[in-house]
Amino acid sequence: MDHFSAPALKKYLKRFENAFEGHKSSRSLFNDSYEVYNASWTPGFFDEFLKRRGYDLRMYLRAFSGDADPDVTARLKSDYRLSLSELLLENFTLPWTLWSHEHGSLTRNQAHGSPGNLLDLYAAVDIPECEIYGHETFDMMLKLATSAAHVTNKSLISNETFTWLGEHSFQESTMYSTTAPAIPRKMLHAPAGFFTPLYILVPATVSGLEGPVRLIPVKND
């Protein structure tokens, strides 16, 4: 799917409208981490660039490719990346959230990996969600989701926890690594269409229970 195109999103969401017709929508709709590798263009980008940046990028393609003073190339690339960032926010994240609300759902989004301003992208949804990679801790990445949530006064932040198979033997250390950035909800990772989780893991510092981690039931509305 083209995340920079409003018509592409409209066509994509139409499938969900047809699927949910006559049925209650899900409590929240989930968008996984942005892994659309090498996605760097969209139809009409030149016109969008001209409208947003005030000049025609087609007149500077040689410089954009690096055949120019490095400072000129850097400025062109900066404008190009800013334009993509704005298109992603305005043509995907914001309208997806609006569409979800119109259909009675919240949005849960993993913005990391996106070619855009991650704080803006996290802030545009209802539940910002970060992720744990392997056995390492990426505190700064985790704090991007939590920072956006705190600044915009969101009550829920979630985390894709134990993403990879080998992590299940490191559950306690993984839980604590996500507790530090103040992430109250940990989601056991699985494709959303496979099952609805019956429990979520909550650190004692958040739940008020004794011990490092407890399972609490999830209410499925």
Protein backbone atom coordinates (compact mmCIF):
# COMPACT_ATOMS: atom_id res chain seq x y z
CA MET A 1 0.00 0.00 0.00
CA ASP A 2 1.08 3.58 -0.73
CA HIS A 3 1.14 5.32 2.67
CA PHE A 4 1.70 8.71 1.04
CA SER A 5 -1.49 8.60 -1.05
CA ALA A 6 -4.94 9.58 0.23
CA PRO A 7 -6.73 7.73 -2.63
CA ALA A 8 -4.73 4.59 -1.87
CA LEU A 9 -5.79 4.70 1.79
CA LYS A 10 -9.41 5.27 0.86
CA LYS A 11 -9.36 2.23 -1.43
CA TYR A 12 -7.63 0.13 1.24
CA LEU A 13 -10.09 1.08 4.00
CA LYS A 14 -13.04 0.32 1.75
CA ARG A 15 -12.20 -3.36 2.16
CA PHE A 16 -12.59 -3.03 5.91
CA GLU A 17 -15.87 -1.18 5.53
CA ASN A 18 -17.18 -4.07 3.46
CA ALA A 19 -15.86 -6.65 5.93
CA PHE A 20 -17.38 -4.92 8.99
CA GLU A 21 -20.67 -4.00 7.34
CA GLY A 22 -23.48 -4.93 9.70
CA HIS A 23 -21.06 -5.82 12.50
CA LYS A 24 -19.58 -4.01 15.47
CA SER A 25 -16.06 -2.79 14.81
CA SER A 26 -13.06 -3.79 16.92
CA ARG A 27 -12.22 -1.79 20.04
CA SER A 28 -8.96 -0.72 18.40
CA LEU A 29 -7.30 -1.14 15.02
CA PHE A 30 -3.57 -1.87 14.90
CA ASN A 31 -0.95 -0.63 12.45
CA ASP A 32 2.33 -2.54 12.78
CA SER A 33 5.81 -1.02 12.51
CA TYR A 34 6.53 0.71 9.21
CA GLU A 35 8.45 -1.87 7.17
CA VAL A 36 7.67 -0.68 3.65
CA TYR A 37 11.25 -0.94 2.50
CA ASN A 38 12.41 1.35 -0.32
CA ALA A 39 9.07 3.17 -0.44
CA SER A 40 10.24 6.62 -1.46
CA TRP A 41 7.73 7.94 -3.97
CA THR A 42 4.06 8.38 -4.74
CA PRO A 43 2.14 9.52 -7.85
CA GLY A 44 1.84 13.28 -7.88
CA PHE A 45 4.83 13.78 -5.60
CA PHE A 46 6.37 16.49 -7.80
CA ASP A 47 3.17 18.54 -7.57
CA GLU A 48 2.97 18.02 -3.80
CA PHE A 49 6.60 19.02 -3.42
CA LEU A 50 6.04 22.20 -5.44
CA LYS A 51 3.00 23.10 -3.34
CA ARG A 52 4.74 22.46 -0.03
CA ARG A 53 8.28 23.68 -0.69
CA GLY A 54 7.66 26.39 -3.28
CA TYR A 55 9.95 25.15 -6.06
CA ASP A 56 9.97 22.37 -8.67
CA LEU A 57 12.18 19.46 -7.66
CA ARG A 58 12.38 18.36 -11.31
CA MET A 59 14.60 21.36 -11.97
CA TYR A 60 17.15 20.08 -9.45
CA LEU A 61 17.29 16.32 -10.03
CA ARG A 62 21.01 16.29 -10.86
CA ALA A 63 21.77 18.18 -7.67
CA PHE A 64 19.35 15.95 -5.74
CA SER A 65 21.29 12.89 -6.91
CA GLY A 66 24.51 14.37 -5.54
CA ASP A 67 25.92 16.10 -8.62
CA ALA A 68 26.19 19.52 -6.93
CA ASP A 69 27.63 21.35 -3.97
CA PRO A 70 27.10 19.10 -0.91
CA ASP A 71 25.21 21.84 0.91
CA VAL A 72 22.73 22.19 -1.98
CA THR A 73 22.20 18.42 -2.14
CA ALA A 74 21.68 18.25 1.64
CA ARG A 75 19.05 21.02 1.49
CA LEU A 76 17.21 19.29 -1.36
CA LYS A 77 17.20 15.98 0.49
CA SER A 78 15.96 17.70 3.63
CA ASP A 79 13.03 19.22 1.73
CA TYR A 80 12.30 15.87 0.08
CA ARG A 81 12.25 14.04 3.41
CA LEU A 82 10.10 16.72 5.02
CA SER A 83 7.59 16.41 2.18
CA LEU A 84 7.38 12.62 2.58
CA SER A 85 6.95 13.06 6.33
CA GLU A 86 4.04 15.45 5.83
CA LEU A 87 2.38 13.16 3.29
CA LEU A 88 2.61 10.16 5.59
CA LEU A 89 1.03 12.08 8.46
CA GLU A 90 -1.65 13.86 6.41
CA ASN A 91 -2.56 11.11 3.93
CA PHE A 92 -2.31 8.04 6.16
CA THR A 93 -2.00 8.41 9.93
CA LEU A 94 -4.45 11.26 10.54
CA PRO A 95 -7.18 10.10 8.09
CA TRP A 96 -6.81 6.49 9.29
CA THR A 97 -7.43 7.64 12.87
CA LEU A 98 -10.40 9.77 11.79
CA TRP A 99 -11.86 6.84 9.82
CA SER A 100 -11.39 4.53 12.82
CA HIS A 101 -13.19 6.94 15.13
CA GLU A 102 -16.07 7.24 12.66
CA HIS A 103 -16.40 3.44 12.84
CA GLY A 104 -16.23 3.25 16.62
CA SER A 105 -12.61 2.16 17.00
CA LEU A 106 -9.41 3.52 18.51
CA THR A 107 -6.05 3.37 16.73
CA ARG A 108 -2.90 1.66 18.01
CA ASN A 109 0.17 2.47 15.97
CA GLN A 110 3.87 1.58 15.82
CA ALA A 111 5.38 4.63 14.14
CA HIS A 112 9.01 3.54 14.37
CA GLY A 113 10.64 2.90 11.02
CA SER A 114 8.50 5.53 9.34
CA PRO A 115 10.11 8.14 7.07
CA GLY A 116 8.62 10.91 9.14
CA ASN A 117 8.55 12.80 12.42
CA LEU A 118 7.97 9.95 14.86
CA LEU A 119 6.68 12.18 17.66
CA ASP A 120 4.00 13.63 15.37
CA LEU A 121 3.05 10.19 14.05
CA TYR A 122 2.77 8.69 17.54
CA ALA A 123 0.80 11.70 18.76
CA ALA A 124 -1.70 11.39 15.89
CA VAL A 125 -3.13 8.08 17.15
CA ASP A 126 -4.96 7.01 20.29
CA ILE A 127 -2.48 4.42 21.60
CA PRO A 128 1.19 4.89 20.66
CA GLU A 129 2.99 1.55 20.63
CA CYS A 130 6.73 0.83 20.75
CA GLU A 131 8.61 -2.46 20.47
CA ILE A 132 11.44 -4.56 21.88
CA TYR A 133 14.04 -5.86 19.41
CA GLY A 134 15.79 -9.08 20.43
CA HIS A 135 17.47 -8.97 23.82
CA GLU A 136 18.68 -5.40 23.52
CA THR A 137 17.10 -2.30 24.99
CA PHE A 138 16.44 0.76 22.83
CA ASP A 139 15.50 3.29 25.50
CA MET A 140 15.41 6.23 23.12
CA MET A 141 13.04 4.51 20.71
CA LEU A 142 10.78 3.47 23.58
CA LYS A 143 10.71 7.04 24.86
CA LEU A 144 9.54 8.39 21.50
CA ALA A 145 6.18 6.68 21.96
CA THR A 146 5.88 7.53 25.64
CA SER A 147 6.97 11.14 25.12
CA ALA A 148 4.33 11.70 22.44
CA ALA A 149 1.70 10.16 24.70
CA HIS A 150 2.65 12.26 27.73
CA VAL A 151 2.78 15.52 25.78
CA THR A 152 -0.66 14.89 24.25
CA ASN A 153 -2.13 13.58 27.54
CA LYS A 154 -2.91 10.06 26.33
CA SER A 155 -3.79 7.53 29.01
CA LEU A 156 -2.65 4.41 27.16
CA ILE A 157 0.78 3.43 25.80
CA SER A 158 1.53 -0.11 24.68
CA ASN A 159 4.57 -2.14 23.77
CA GLU A 160 5.11 -5.15 21.52
CA THR A 161 6.90 -7.34 24.03
CA PHE A 162 8.70 -10.69 23.52
CA THR A 163 8.60 -10.13 19.77
CA TRP A 164 11.11 -12.84 18.88
CA LEU A 165 11.04 -16.48 19.91
CA GLY A 166 14.22 -16.41 22.01
CA GLU A 167 12.94 -13.56 24.17
CA HIS A 168 10.56 -15.72 26.17
CA SER A 169 13.42 -16.85 28.40
CA PHE A 170 14.28 -13.22 29.14
CA GLN A 171 10.81 -12.11 30.20
CA GLU A 172 11.71 -10.42 33.46
CA SER A 173 14.56 -8.31 32.05
CA THR A 174 12.42 -7.41 29.03
CA MET A 175 9.56 -6.32 31.27
CA TYR A 176 11.79 -4.10 33.36
CA SER A 177 13.38 -2.53 30.26
CA THR A 178 9.95 -1.31 29.17
CA THR A 179 8.82 -0.31 32.66
CA ALA A 180 11.55 2.32 32.96
CA PRO A 181 10.18 4.49 30.10
CA ALA A 182 6.71 4.29 31.76
CA ILE A 183 4.94 1.94 29.36
CA PRO A 184 1.89 0.66 31.25
CA ARG A 185 0.62 -1.98 28.82
CA LYS A 186 2.71 -4.84 27.43
CA MET A 187 1.26 -6.81 24.53
CA LEU A 188 2.38 -10.38 23.93
CA HIS A 189 3.33 -10.37 20.27
CA ALA A 190 1.18 -12.30 17.79
CA PRO A 191 -0.60 -11.45 14.55
CA ALA A 192 -3.74 -9.55 15.50
CA GLY A 193 -5.95 -11.78 13.37
CA PHE A 194 -4.86 -15.01 15.05
CA PHE A 195 -6.36 -14.52 18.50
CA THR A 196 -7.53 -11.98 21.04
CA PRO A 197 -5.27 -12.03 24.12
CA LEU A 198 -6.98 -13.00 27.36
CA TYR A 199 -4.32 -11.42 29.54
CA ILE A 200 -1.78 -8.62 29.50
CA LEU A 201 1.37 -8.37 31.59
CA VAL A 202 1.46 -5.47 34.01
CA PRO A 203 4.51 -4.48 36.10
CA ALA A 204 3.95 -4.22 39.83
CA THR A 205 5.01 -0.56 39.73
CA VAL A 206 1.98 0.14 37.55
CA SER A 207 -0.58 -2.37 38.83
CA GLY A 208 0.14 -1.99 42.55
CA LEU A 209 0.46 -5.76 42.94
CA GLU A 210 3.30 -7.48 44.74
CA GLY A 211 6.05 -9.08 42.69
CA PRO A 212 7.67 -7.96 39.46
CA VAL A 213 4.93 -8.91 36.98
CA ARG A 214 1.32 -10.08 37.12
CA LEU A 215 -1.19 -11.25 34.54
CA ILE A 216 -4.49 -9.39 34.51
CA PRO A 217 -7.54 -10.25 32.40
CA VAL A 218 -8.30 -8.22 29.31
CA LYS A 219 -11.88 -7.09 28.93
CA ASN A 220 -12.93 -7.75 25.35
CA ASP A 221 -15.76 -5.39 24.48
